[in-house]
Amino acid sequence: MPEVTDADFEQEVLKAELPVLVEYTATWCGPCRQLAPVLSEIAREEGERLKVVQLDVDANPGTTTAYGVLSMPTLMVFKGGEPVWQVVGARPKRKLLAELADVV
């Protein structure tokens, strides 16, 4: 899954043509590691209508702070440069897809 940083967040997420699902993650986060394969599958299956990226919160404090992320994993969907959906915690693929269906 592609990673974004503070430096390219605006270009890769806020200015993206597709909706973007951002996973705020950390290397030490167990639930993040559990969620990674689920997000990779969603990225492969939904790539034509949804971009999926990761942002390491420890390496990118600017973006993390700007969006008030306090817990990992936090998932946010951005459309037209604005966050339109957010959830904290890992989800099974089926539940995550059902939640995303209303947003994407």
PDB file of N, CA and C in Angstrom:
ATOM      1  N   MET A   1       0.848  -1.173   0.000  1.00  0.00           N
ATOM      2  CA  MET A   1       0.000   0.000   0.000  1.00  0.00           C
ATOM      3  C   MET A   1       0.896   1.239   0.000  1.00  0.00           C
ATOM      4  N   PRO A   2       0.584   2.214  -0.822  1.00  0.00           N
ATOM      5  CA  PRO A   2       1.418   3.413  -0.861  1.00  0.00           C
ATOM      6  C   PRO A   2       1.372   4.188   0.453  1.00  0.00           C
ATOM      7  N   GLU A   3       2.483   4.816   0.762  1.00  0.00           N
ATOM      8  CA  GLU A   3       2.559   5.665   1.950  1.00  0.00           C
ATOM      9  C   GLU A   3       2.566   7.126   1.523  1.00  0.00           C
ATOM     10  N   VAL A   4       1.905   7.958   2.318  1.00  0.00           N
ATOM     11  CA  VAL A   4       1.957   9.400   2.119  1.00  0.00           C
ATOM     12  C   VAL A   4       2.647  10.018   3.319  1.00  0.00           C
ATOM     13  N   THR A   5       3.120  11.243   3.136  1.00  0.00           N
ATOM     14  CA  THR A   5       3.851  11.946   4.192  1.00  0.00           C
ATOM     15  C   THR A   5       3.265  13.344   4.362  1.00  0.00           C
ATOM     16  N   ASP A   6       3.750  14.046   5.381  1.00  0.00           N
ATOM     17  CA  ASP A   6       3.360  15.443   5.543  1.00  0.00           C
ATOM     18  C   ASP A   6       3.655  16.225   4.263  1.00  0.00           C
ATOM     19  N   ALA A   7       4.787  15.909   3.625  1.00  0.00           N
ATOM     20  CA  ALA A   7       5.240  16.664   2.455  1.00  0.00           C
ATOM     21  C   ALA A   7       4.343  16.468   1.230  1.00  0.00           C
ATOM     22  N   ASP A   8       3.781  15.261   1.046  1.00  0.00           N
ATOM     23  CA  ASP A   8       2.985  15.036  -0.159  1.00  0.00           C
ATOM     24  C   ASP A   8       1.495  14.789   0.114  1.00  0.00           C
ATOM     25  N   PHE A   9       1.056  14.985   1.351  1.00  0.00           N
ATOM     26  CA  PHE A   9      -0.336  14.736   1.712  1.00  0.00           C
ATOM     27  C   PHE A   9      -1.302  15.577   0.870  1.00  0.00           C
ATOM     28  N   GLU A  10      -0.990  16.847   0.712  1.00  0.00           N
ATOM     29  CA  GLU A  10      -1.882  17.721  -0.063  1.00  0.00           C
ATOM     30  C   GLU A  10      -2.046  17.204  -1.488  1.00  0.00           C
ATOM     31  N   GLN A  11      -0.935  16.895  -2.147  1.00  0.00           N
ATOM     32  CA  GLN A  11      -0.979  16.441  -3.534  1.00  0.00           C
ATOM     33  C   GLN A  11      -1.624  15.066  -3.667  1.00  0.00           C
ATOM     34  N   GLU A  12      -1.235  14.128  -2.807  1.00  0.00           N
ATOM     35  CA  GLU A  12      -1.681  12.739  -2.937  1.00  0.00           C
ATOM     36  C   GLU A  12      -3.085  12.473  -2.393  1.00  0.00           C
ATOM     37  N   VAL A  13      -3.513  13.266  -1.419  1.00  0.00           N
ATOM     38  CA  VAL A  13      -4.811  13.021  -0.776  1.00  0.00           C
ATOM     39  C   VAL A  13      -5.798  14.157  -1.065  1.00  0.00           C
ATOM     40  N   LEU A  14      -5.447  15.360  -0.688  1.00  0.00           N
ATOM     41  CA  LEU A  14      -6.398  16.471  -0.797  1.00  0.00           C
ATOM     42  C   LEU A  14      -6.728  16.838  -2.237  1.00  0.00           C
ATOM     43  N   LYS A  15      -5.763  16.675  -3.147  1.00  0.00           N
ATOM     44  CA  LYS A  15      -5.987  17.024  -4.554  1.00  0.00           C
ATOM     45  C   LYS A  15      -6.269  15.810  -5.437  1.00  0.00           C
ATOM     46  N   ALA A  16      -6.468  14.660  -4.841  1.00  0.00           N
ATOM     47  CA  ALA A  16      -6.720  13.434  -5.609  1.00  0.00           C
ATOM     48  C   ALA A  16      -8.076  13.500  -6.299  1.00  0.00           C
ATOM     49  N   GLU A  17      -8.139  12.901  -7.467  1.00  0.00           N
ATOM     50  CA  GLU A  17      -9.399  12.862  -8.217  1.00  0.00           C
ATOM     51  C   GLU A  17     -10.391  11.873  -7.586  1.00  0.00           C
ATOM     52  N   LEU A  18      -9.876  10.744  -7.125  1.00  0.00           N
ATOM     53  CA  LEU A  18     -10.712   9.729  -6.481  1.00  0.00           C
ATOM     54  C   LEU A  18     -10.848  10.030  -4.990  1.00  0.00           C
ATOM     55  N   PRO A  19     -11.876   9.495  -4.342  1.00  0.00           N
ATOM     56  CA  PRO A  19     -11.874   9.519  -2.881  1.00  0.00           C
ATOM     57  C   PRO A  19     -10.647   8.762  -2.377  1.00  0.00           C
ATOM     58  N   VAL A  20     -10.106   9.186  -1.241  1.00  0.00           N
ATOM     59  CA  VAL A  20      -8.896   8.564  -0.694  1.00  0.00           C
ATOM     60  C   VAL A  20      -9.176   8.076   0.719  1.00  0.00           C
ATOM     61  N   LEU A  21      -8.905   6.794   0.957  1.00  0.00           N
ATOM     62  CA  LEU A  21      -8.974   6.212   2.291  1.00  0.00           C
ATOM     63  C   LEU A  21      -7.567   6.267   2.875  1.00  0.00           C
ATOM     64  N   VAL A  22      -7.408   7.012   3.953  1.00  0.00           N
ATOM     65  CA  VAL A  22      -6.114   7.146   4.618  1.00  0.00           C
ATOM     66  C   VAL A  22      -6.149   6.338   5.907  1.00  0.00           C
ATOM     67  N   GLU A  23      -5.177   5.449   6.058  1.00  0.00           N
ATOM     68  CA  GLU A  23      -5.003   4.755   7.329  1.00  0.00           C
ATOM     69  C   GLU A  23      -3.872   5.447   8.073  1.00  0.00           C
ATOM     70  N   TYR A  24      -4.197   6.030   9.217  1.00  0.00           N
ATOM     71  CA  TYR A  24      -3.184   6.585  10.108  1.00  0.00           C
ATOM     72  C   TYR A  24      -2.678   5.414  10.933  1.00  0.00           C
ATOM     73  N   THR A  25      -1.395   5.115  10.807  1.00  0.00           N
ATOM     74  CA  THR A  25      -0.841   3.891  11.355  1.00  0.00           C
ATOM     75  C   THR A  25       0.485   4.158  12.059  1.00  0.00           C
ATOM     76  N   ALA A  26       1.000   3.143  12.728  1.00  0.00           N
ATOM     77  CA  ALA A  26       2.311   3.210  13.376  1.00  0.00           C
ATOM     78  C   ALA A  26       2.909   1.804  13.375  1.00  0.00           C
ATOM     79  N   THR A  27       4.216   1.735  13.323  1.00  0.00           N
ATOM     80  CA  THR A  27       4.873   0.425  13.274  1.00  0.00           C
ATOM     81  C   THR A  27       4.608  -0.402  14.529  1.00  0.00           C
ATOM     82  N   TRP A  28       4.380   0.252  15.660  1.00  0.00           N
ATOM     83  CA  TRP A  28       4.171  -0.440  16.924  1.00  0.00           C
ATOM     84  C   TRP A  28       2.711  -0.834  17.163  1.00  0.00           C
ATOM     85  N   CYS A  29       1.825  -0.514  16.236  1.00  0.00           N
ATOM     86  CA  CYS A  29       0.372  -0.707  16.411  1.00  0.00           C
ATOM     87  C   CYS A  29      -0.050  -2.103  15.935  1.00  0.00           C
ATOM     88  N   GLY A  30      -0.401  -2.968  16.884  1.00  0.00           N
ATOM     89  CA  GLY A  30      -0.858  -4.322  16.557  1.00  0.00           C
ATOM     90  C   GLY A  30      -2.110  -4.355  15.693  1.00  0.00           C
ATOM     91  N   PRO A  31      -3.177  -3.631  16.069  1.00  0.00           N
ATOM     92  CA  PRO A  31      -4.375  -3.629  15.227  1.00  0.00           C
ATOM     93  C   PRO A  31      -4.106  -3.103  13.813  1.00  0.00           C
ATOM     94  N   CYS A  32      -3.139  -2.205  13.684  1.00  0.00           N
ATOM     95  CA  CYS A  32      -2.775  -1.697  12.351  1.00  0.00           C
ATOM     96  C   CYS A  32      -2.207  -2.821  11.498  1.00  0.00           C
ATOM     97  N   ARG A  33      -1.371  -3.656  12.092  1.00  0.00           N
ATOM     98  CA  ARG A  33      -0.796  -4.788  11.357  1.00  0.00           C
ATOM     99  C   ARG A  33      -1.887  -5.777  10.948  1.00  0.00           C
ATOM    100  N   GLN A  34      -2.897  -5.961  11.801  1.00  0.00           N
ATOM    101  CA  GLN A  34      -4.006  -6.851  11.466  1.00  0.00           C
ATOM    102  C   GLN A  34      -4.843  -6.281  10.321  1.00  0.00           C
ATOM    103  N   LEU A  35      -4.971  -4.972  10.280  1.00  0.00           N
ATOM    104  CA  LEU A  35      -5.797  -4.312   9.278  1.00  0.00           C
ATOM    105  C   LEU A  35      -5.105  -4.199   7.922  1.00  0.00           C
ATOM    106  N   ALA A  36      -3.789  -4.232   7.895  1.00  0.00           N
ATOM    107  CA  ALA A  36      -3.027  -4.019   6.658  1.00  0.00           C
ATOM    108  C   ALA A  36      -3.444  -4.953   5.512  1.00  0.00           C
ATOM    109  N   PRO A  37      -3.577  -6.267   5.732  1.00  0.00           N
ATOM    110  CA  PRO A  37      -3.980  -7.121   4.611  1.00  0.00           C
ATOM    111  C   PRO A  37      -5.394  -6.811   4.112  1.00  0.00           C
ATOM    112  N   VAL A  38      -6.273  -6.432   5.010  1.00  0.00           N
ATOM    113  CA  VAL A  38      -7.645  -6.066   4.629  1.00  0.00           C
ATOM    114  C   VAL A  38      -7.620  -4.843   3.723  1.00  0.00           C
ATOM    115  N   LEU A  39      -6.846  -3.833   4.111  1.00  0.00           N
ATOM    116  CA  LEU A  39      -6.766  -2.613   3.311  1.00  0.00           C
ATOM    117  C   LEU A  39      -6.083  -2.869   1.972  1.00  0.00           C
ATOM    118  N   SER A  40      -5.104  -3.746   1.950  1.00  0.00           N
ATOM    119  CA  SER A  40      -4.448  -4.098   0.684  1.00  0.00           C
ATOM    120  C   SER A  40      -5.438  -4.757  -0.275  1.00  0.00           C
ATOM    121  N   GLU A  41      -6.285  -5.646   0.259  1.00  0.00           N
ATOM    122  CA  GLU A  41      -7.316  -6.286  -0.574  1.00  0.00           C
ATOM    123  C   GLU A  41      -8.299  -5.254  -1.106  1.00  0.00           C
ATOM    124  N   ILE A  42      -8.740  -4.351  -0.236  1.00  0.00           N
ATOM    125  CA  ILE A  42      -9.679  -3.310  -0.661  1.00  0.00           C
ATOM    126  C   ILE A  42      -9.033  -2.428  -1.726  1.00  0.00           C
ATOM    127  N   ALA A  43      -7.771  -2.097  -1.560  1.00  0.00           N
ATOM    128  CA  ALA A  43      -7.061  -1.277  -2.543  1.00  0.00           C
ATOM    129  C   ALA A  43      -7.040  -1.970  -3.907  1.00  0.00           C
ATOM    130  N   ARG A  44      -6.778  -3.276  -3.913  1.00  0.00           N
ATOM    131  CA  ARG A  44      -6.757  -4.028  -5.178  1.00  0.00           C
ATOM    132  C   ARG A  44      -8.148  -4.116  -5.800  1.00  0.00           C
ATOM    133  N   GLU A  45      -9.143  -4.404  -4.981  1.00  0.00           N
ATOM    134  CA  GLU A  45     -10.496  -4.638  -5.492  1.00  0.00           C
ATOM    135  C   GLU A  45     -11.230  -3.351  -5.858  1.00  0.00           C
ATOM    136  N   GLU A  46     -10.966  -2.269  -5.147  1.00  0.00           N
ATOM    137  CA  GLU A  46     -11.712  -1.028  -5.336  1.00  0.00           C
ATOM    138  C   GLU A  46     -10.871   0.089  -5.961  1.00  0.00           C
ATOM    139  N   GLY A  47      -9.709  -0.273  -6.512  1.00  0.00           N
ATOM    140  CA  GLY A  47      -8.757   0.707  -7.011  1.00  0.00           C
ATOM    141  C   GLY A  47      -9.285   1.670  -8.059  1.00  0.00           C
ATOM    142  N   GLU A  48     -10.316   1.282  -8.795  1.00  0.00           N
ATOM    143  CA  GLU A  48     -10.865   2.170  -9.817  1.00  0.00           C
ATOM    144  C   GLU A  48     -11.732   3.271  -9.223  1.00  0.00           C
ATOM    145  N   ARG A  49     -12.220   3.072  -7.988  1.00  0.00           N
ATOM    146  CA  ARG A  49     -13.085   4.087  -7.395  1.00  0.00           C
ATOM    147  C   ARG A  49     -12.618   4.609  -6.051  1.00  0.00           C
ATOM    148  N   LEU A  50     -11.527   4.037  -5.514  1.00  0.00           N
ATOM    149  CA  LEU A  50     -11.021   4.436  -4.206  1.00  0.00           C
ATOM    150  C   LEU A  50      -9.509   4.252  -4.151  1.00  0.00           C
ATOM    151  N   LYS A  51      -8.819   5.298  -3.735  1.00  0.00           N
ATOM    152  CA  LYS A  51      -7.375   5.228  -3.516  1.00  0.00           C
ATOM    153  C   LYS A  51      -7.161   4.932  -2.036  1.00  0.00           C
ATOM    154  N   VAL A  52      -6.259   4.002  -1.716  1.00  0.00           N
ATOM    155  CA  VAL A  52      -5.993   3.624  -0.328  1.00  0.00           C
ATOM    156  C   VAL A  52      -4.512   3.879  -0.040  1.00  0.00           C
ATOM    157  N   VAL A  53      -4.239   4.647   1.027  1.00  0.00           N
ATOM    158  CA  VAL A  53      -2.864   4.980   1.395  1.00  0.00           C
ATOM    159  C   VAL A  53      -2.688   4.874   2.907  1.00  0.00           C
ATOM    160  N   GLN A  54      -1.421   4.832   3.334  1.00  0.00           N
ATOM    161  CA  GLN A  54      -1.078   4.819   4.756  1.00  0.00           C
ATOM    162  C   GLN A  54      -0.285   6.076   5.089  1.00  0.00           C
ATOM    163  N   LEU A  55      -0.419   6.520   6.335  1.00  0.00           N
ATOM    164  CA  LEU A  55       0.392   7.621   6.842  1.00  0.00           C
ATOM    165  C   LEU A  55       0.920   7.210   8.212  1.00  0.00           C
ATOM    166  N   ASP A  56       2.242   7.168   8.357  1.00  0.00           N
ATOM    167  CA  ASP A  56       2.871   6.812   9.627  1.00  0.00           C
ATOM    168  C   ASP A  56       2.789   8.018  10.556  1.00  0.00           C
ATOM    169  N   VAL A  57       2.064   7.872  11.655  1.00  0.00           N
ATOM    170  CA  VAL A  57       1.823   9.009  12.552  1.00  0.00           C
ATOM    171  C   VAL A  57       3.089   9.494  13.244  1.00  0.00           C
ATOM    172  N   ASP A  58       4.016   8.592  13.515  1.00  0.00           N
ATOM    173  CA  ASP A  58       5.250   8.987  14.194  1.00  0.00           C
ATOM    174  C   ASP A  58       6.154   9.810  13.283  1.00  0.00           C
ATOM    175  N   ALA A  59       6.176   9.469  12.003  1.00  0.00           N
ATOM    176  CA  ALA A  59       7.038  10.163  11.049  1.00  0.00           C
ATOM    177  C   ALA A  59       6.383  11.411  10.459  1.00  0.00           C
ATOM    178  N   ASN A  60       5.067  11.569  10.669  1.00  0.00           N
ATOM    179  CA  ASN A  60       4.322  12.667  10.041  1.00  0.00           C
ATOM    180  C   ASN A  60       3.393  13.354  11.045  1.00  0.00           C
ATOM    181  N   PRO A  61       3.972  14.011  12.040  1.00  0.00           N
ATOM    182  CA  PRO A  61       3.150  14.616  13.095  1.00  0.00           C
ATOM    183  C   PRO A  61       2.299  15.787  12.626  1.00  0.00           C
ATOM    184  N   GLY A  62       2.694  16.466  11.576  1.00  0.00           N
ATOM    185  CA  GLY A  62       1.930  17.625  11.104  1.00  0.00           C
ATOM    186  C   GLY A  62       0.531  17.242  10.659  1.00  0.00           C
ATOM    187  N   THR A  63       0.446  16.275   9.766  1.00  0.00           N
ATOM    188  CA  THR A  63      -0.854  15.826   9.261  1.00  0.00           C
ATOM    189  C   THR A  63      -1.654  15.153  10.363  1.00  0.00           C
ATOM    190  N   THR A  64      -0.976  14.365  11.174  1.00  0.00           N
ATOM    191  CA  THR A  64      -1.641  13.668  12.281  1.00  0.00           C
ATOM    192  C   THR A  64      -2.311  14.672  13.211  1.00  0.00           C
ATOM    193  N   THR A  65      -1.609  15.714  13.576  1.00  0.00           N
ATOM    194  CA  THR A  65      -2.147  16.747  14.468  1.00  0.00           C
ATOM    195  C   THR A  65      -3.243  17.555  13.781  1.00  0.00           C
ATOM    196  N   ALA A  66      -3.024  17.892  12.518  1.00  0.00           N
ATOM    197  CA  ALA A  66      -3.991  18.716  11.783  1.00  0.00           C
ATOM    198  C   ALA A  66      -5.376  18.073  11.738  1.00  0.00           C
ATOM    199  N   TYR A  67      -5.426  16.745  11.698  1.00  0.00           N
ATOM    200  CA  TYR A  67      -6.711  16.052  11.622  1.00  0.00           C
ATOM    201  C   TYR A  67      -7.126  15.420  12.951  1.00  0.00           C
ATOM    202  N   GLY A  68      -6.440  15.769  14.020  1.00  0.00           N
ATOM    203  CA  GLY A  68      -6.847  15.354  15.360  1.00  0.00           C
ATOM    204  C   GLY A  68      -6.767  13.864  15.611  1.00  0.00           C
ATOM    205  N   VAL A  69      -5.843  13.192  14.974  1.00  0.00           N
ATOM    206  CA  VAL A  69      -5.721  11.742  15.137  1.00  0.00           C
ATOM    207  C   VAL A  69      -5.004  11.448  16.450  1.00  0.00           C
ATOM    208  N   LEU A  70      -5.676  10.696  17.318  1.00  0.00           N
ATOM    209  CA  LEU A  70      -5.127  10.355  18.628  1.00  0.00           C
ATOM    210  C   LEU A  70      -4.944   8.857  18.836  1.00  0.00           C
ATOM    211  N   SER A  71      -5.661   8.044  18.076  1.00  0.00           N
ATOM    212  CA  SER A  71      -5.612   6.584  18.234  1.00  0.00           C
ATOM    213  C   SER A  71      -5.353   5.930  16.891  1.00  0.00           C
ATOM    214  N   MET A  72      -4.688   4.774  16.951  1.00  0.00           N
ATOM    215  CA  MET A  72      -4.417   4.033  15.739  1.00  0.00           C
ATOM    216  C   MET A  72      -5.024   2.638  15.845  1.00  0.00           C
ATOM    217  N   PRO A  73      -5.501   2.111  14.724  1.00  0.00           N
ATOM    218  CA  PRO A  73      -5.596   2.775  13.446  1.00  0.00           C
ATOM    219  C   PRO A  73      -6.803   3.704  13.385  1.00  0.00           C
ATOM    220  N   THR A  74      -6.613   4.852  12.779  1.00  0.00           N
ATOM    221  CA  THR A  74      -7.714   5.738  12.417  1.00  0.00           C
ATOM    222  C   THR A  74      -7.809   5.697  10.905  1.00  0.00           C
ATOM    223  N   LEU A  75      -9.024   5.522  10.413  1.00  0.00           N
ATOM    224  CA  LEU A  75      -9.274   5.534   8.973  1.00  0.00           C
ATOM    225  C   LEU A  75     -10.103   6.764   8.646  1.00  0.00           C
ATOM    226  N   MET A  76      -9.703   7.474   7.597  1.00  0.00           N
ATOM    227  CA  MET A  76     -10.455   8.639   7.124  1.00  0.00           C
ATOM    228  C   MET A  76     -10.596   8.553   5.620  1.00  0.00           C
ATOM    229  N   VAL A  77     -11.763   8.950   5.136  1.00  0.00           N
ATOM    230  CA  VAL A  77     -11.961   9.088   3.696  1.00  0.00           C
ATOM    231  C   VAL A  77     -12.026  10.575   3.391  1.00  0.00           C
ATOM    232  N   PHE A  78     -11.236  10.980   2.398  1.00  0.00           N
ATOM    233  CA  PHE A  78     -11.217  12.358   1.927  1.00  0.00           C
ATOM    234  C   PHE A  78     -11.823  12.401   0.531  1.00  0.00           C
ATOM    235  N   LYS A  79     -12.712  13.376   0.323  1.00  0.00           N
ATOM    236  CA  LYS A  79     -13.312  13.631  -0.988  1.00  0.00           C
ATOM    237  C   LYS A  79     -13.230  15.121  -1.234  1.00  0.00           C
ATOM    238  N   GLY A  80     -12.748  15.509  -2.377  1.00  0.00           N
ATOM    239  CA  GLY A  80     -12.672  16.922  -2.709  1.00  0.00           C
ATOM    240  C   GLY A  80     -11.861  17.719  -1.710  1.00  0.00           C
ATOM    241  N   GLY A  81     -10.852  17.103  -1.127  1.00  0.00           N
ATOM    242  CA  GLY A  81      -9.976  17.794  -0.192  1.00  0.00           C
ATOM    243  C   GLY A  81     -10.478  17.880   1.237  1.00  0.00           C
ATOM    244  N   GLU A  82     -11.612  17.258   1.520  1.00  0.00           N
ATOM    245  CA  GLU A  82     -12.199  17.326   2.862  1.00  0.00           C
ATOM    246  C   GLU A  82     -12.432  15.930   3.431  1.00  0.00           C
ATOM    247  N   PRO A  83     -12.231  15.761   4.749  1.00  0.00           N
ATOM    248  CA  PRO A  83     -12.569  14.473   5.362  1.00  0.00           C
ATOM    249  C   PRO A  83     -14.098  14.324   5.428  1.00  0.00           C
ATOM    250  N   VAL A  84     -14.602  13.188   4.946  1.00  0.00           N
ATOM    251  CA  VAL A  84     -16.046  12.961   4.918  1.00  0.00           C
ATOM    252  C   VAL A  84     -16.472  11.757   5.757  1.00  0.00           C
ATOM    253  N   TRP A  85     -15.498  11.009   6.262  1.00  0.00           N
ATOM    254  CA  TRP A  85     -15.812   9.808   7.051  1.00  0.00           C
ATOM    255  C   TRP A  85     -14.599   9.465   7.892  1.00  0.00           C
ATOM    256  N   GLN A  86     -14.859   8.995   9.109  1.00  0.00           N
ATOM    257  CA  GLN A  86     -13.759   8.616   9.996  1.00  0.00           C
ATOM    258  C   GLN A  86     -14.213   7.512  10.930  1.00  0.00           C
ATOM    259  N   VAL A  87     -13.297   6.588  11.207  1.00  0.00           N
ATOM    260  CA  VAL A  87     -13.554   5.536  12.172  1.00  0.00           C
ATOM    261  C   VAL A  87     -12.224   5.181  12.836  1.00  0.00           C
ATOM    262  N   VAL A  88     -12.303   4.779  14.091  1.00  0.00           N
ATOM    263  CA  VAL A  88     -11.109   4.377  14.826  1.00  0.00           C
ATOM    264  C   VAL A  88     -11.211   2.891  15.132  1.00  0.00           C
ATOM    265  N   GLY A  89     -10.131   2.155  14.874  1.00  0.00           N
ATOM    266  CA  GLY A  89     -10.084   0.732  15.183  1.00  0.00           C
ATOM    267  C   GLY A  89     -10.169  -0.138  13.953  1.00  0.00           C
ATOM    268  N   ALA A  90      -9.670  -1.346  14.100  1.00  0.00           N
ATOM    269  CA  ALA A  90      -9.684  -2.318  13.012  1.00  0.00           C
ATOM    270  C   ALA A  90     -11.103  -2.839  12.800  1.00  0.00           C
ATOM    271  N   ARG A  91     -11.403  -3.202  11.564  1.00  0.00           N
ATOM    272  CA  ARG A  91     -12.699  -3.742  11.182  1.00  0.00           C
ATOM    273  C   ARG A  91     -12.473  -4.946  10.271  1.00  0.00           C
ATOM    274  N   PRO A  92     -13.387  -5.924  10.312  1.00  0.00           N
ATOM    275  CA  PRO A  92     -13.331  -6.985   9.299  1.00  0.00           C
ATOM    276  C   PRO A  92     -13.641  -6.377   7.921  1.00  0.00           C
ATOM    277  N   LYS A  93     -13.158  -7.016   6.897  1.00  0.00           N
ATOM    278  CA  LYS A  93     -13.314  -6.484   5.541  1.00  0.00           C
ATOM    279  C   LYS A  93     -14.780  -6.232   5.187  1.00  0.00           C
ATOM    280  N   ARG A  94     -15.643  -7.175   5.457  1.00  0.00           N
ATOM    281  CA  ARG A  94     -17.053  -7.034   5.095  1.00  0.00           C
ATOM    282  C   ARG A  94     -17.685  -5.816   5.769  1.00  0.00           C
ATOM    283  N   LYS A  95     -17.397  -5.628   7.058  1.00  0.00           N
ATOM    284  CA  LYS A  95     -17.959  -4.488   7.783  1.00  0.00           C
ATOM    285  C   LYS A  95     -17.390  -3.176   7.243  1.00  0.00           C
ATOM    286  N   LEU A  96     -16.094  -3.150   6.976  1.00  0.00           N
ATOM    287  CA  LEU A  96     -15.463  -1.943   6.459  1.00  0.00           C
ATOM    288  C   LEU A  96     -16.035  -1.577   5.091  1.00  0.00           C
ATOM    289  N   LEU A  97     -16.198  -2.550   4.214  1.00  0.00           N
ATOM    290  CA  LEU A  97     -16.786  -2.285   2.904  1.00  0.00           C
ATOM    291  C   LEU A  97     -18.217  -1.773   3.021  1.00  0.00           C
ATOM    292  N   ALA A  98     -18.981  -2.326   3.955  1.00  0.00           N
ATOM    293  CA  ALA A  98     -20.359  -1.864   4.152  1.00  0.00           C
ATOM    294  C   ALA A  98     -20.371  -0.406   4.615  1.00  0.00           C
ATOM    295  N   GLU A  99     -19.470  -0.044   5.523  1.00  0.00           N
ATOM    296  CA  GLU A  99     -19.397   1.333   6.004  1.00  0.00           C
ATOM    297  C   GLU A  99     -18.948   2.280   4.888  1.00  0.00           C
ATOM    298  N   LEU A 100     -18.005   1.830   4.078  1.00  0.00           N
ATOM    299  CA  LEU A 100     -17.498   2.661   2.994  1.00  0.00           C
ATOM    300  C   LEU A 100     -18.521   2.839   1.871  1.00  0.00           C
ATOM    301  N   ALA A 101     -19.429   1.897   1.723  1.00  0.00           N
ATOM    302  CA  ALA A 101     -20.406   1.965   0.643  1.00  0.00           C
ATOM    303  C   ALA A 101     -21.235   3.243   0.696  1.00  0.00           C
ATOM    304  N   ASP A 102     -21.479   3.750   1.879  1.00  0.00           N
ATOM    305  CA  ASP A 102     -22.278   4.976   2.021  1.00  0.00           C
ATOM    306  C   ASP A 102     -21.479   6.233   1.694  1.00  0.00           C
ATOM    307  N   VAL A 103     -20.154   6.101   1.639  1.00  0.00           N
ATOM    308  CA  VAL A 103     -19.289   7.270   1.497  1.00  0.00           C
ATOM    309  C   VAL A 103     -18.658   7.364   0.116  1.00  0.00           C
ATOM    310  N   VAL A 104     -18.310   6.223  -0.437  1.00  0.00           N
ATOM    311  CA  VAL A 104     -17.566   6.206  -1.705  1.00  0.00           C
ATOM    312  C   VAL A 104     -18.497   6.042  -2.869  1.00  0.00           C
TER     313      VAL A 104
END
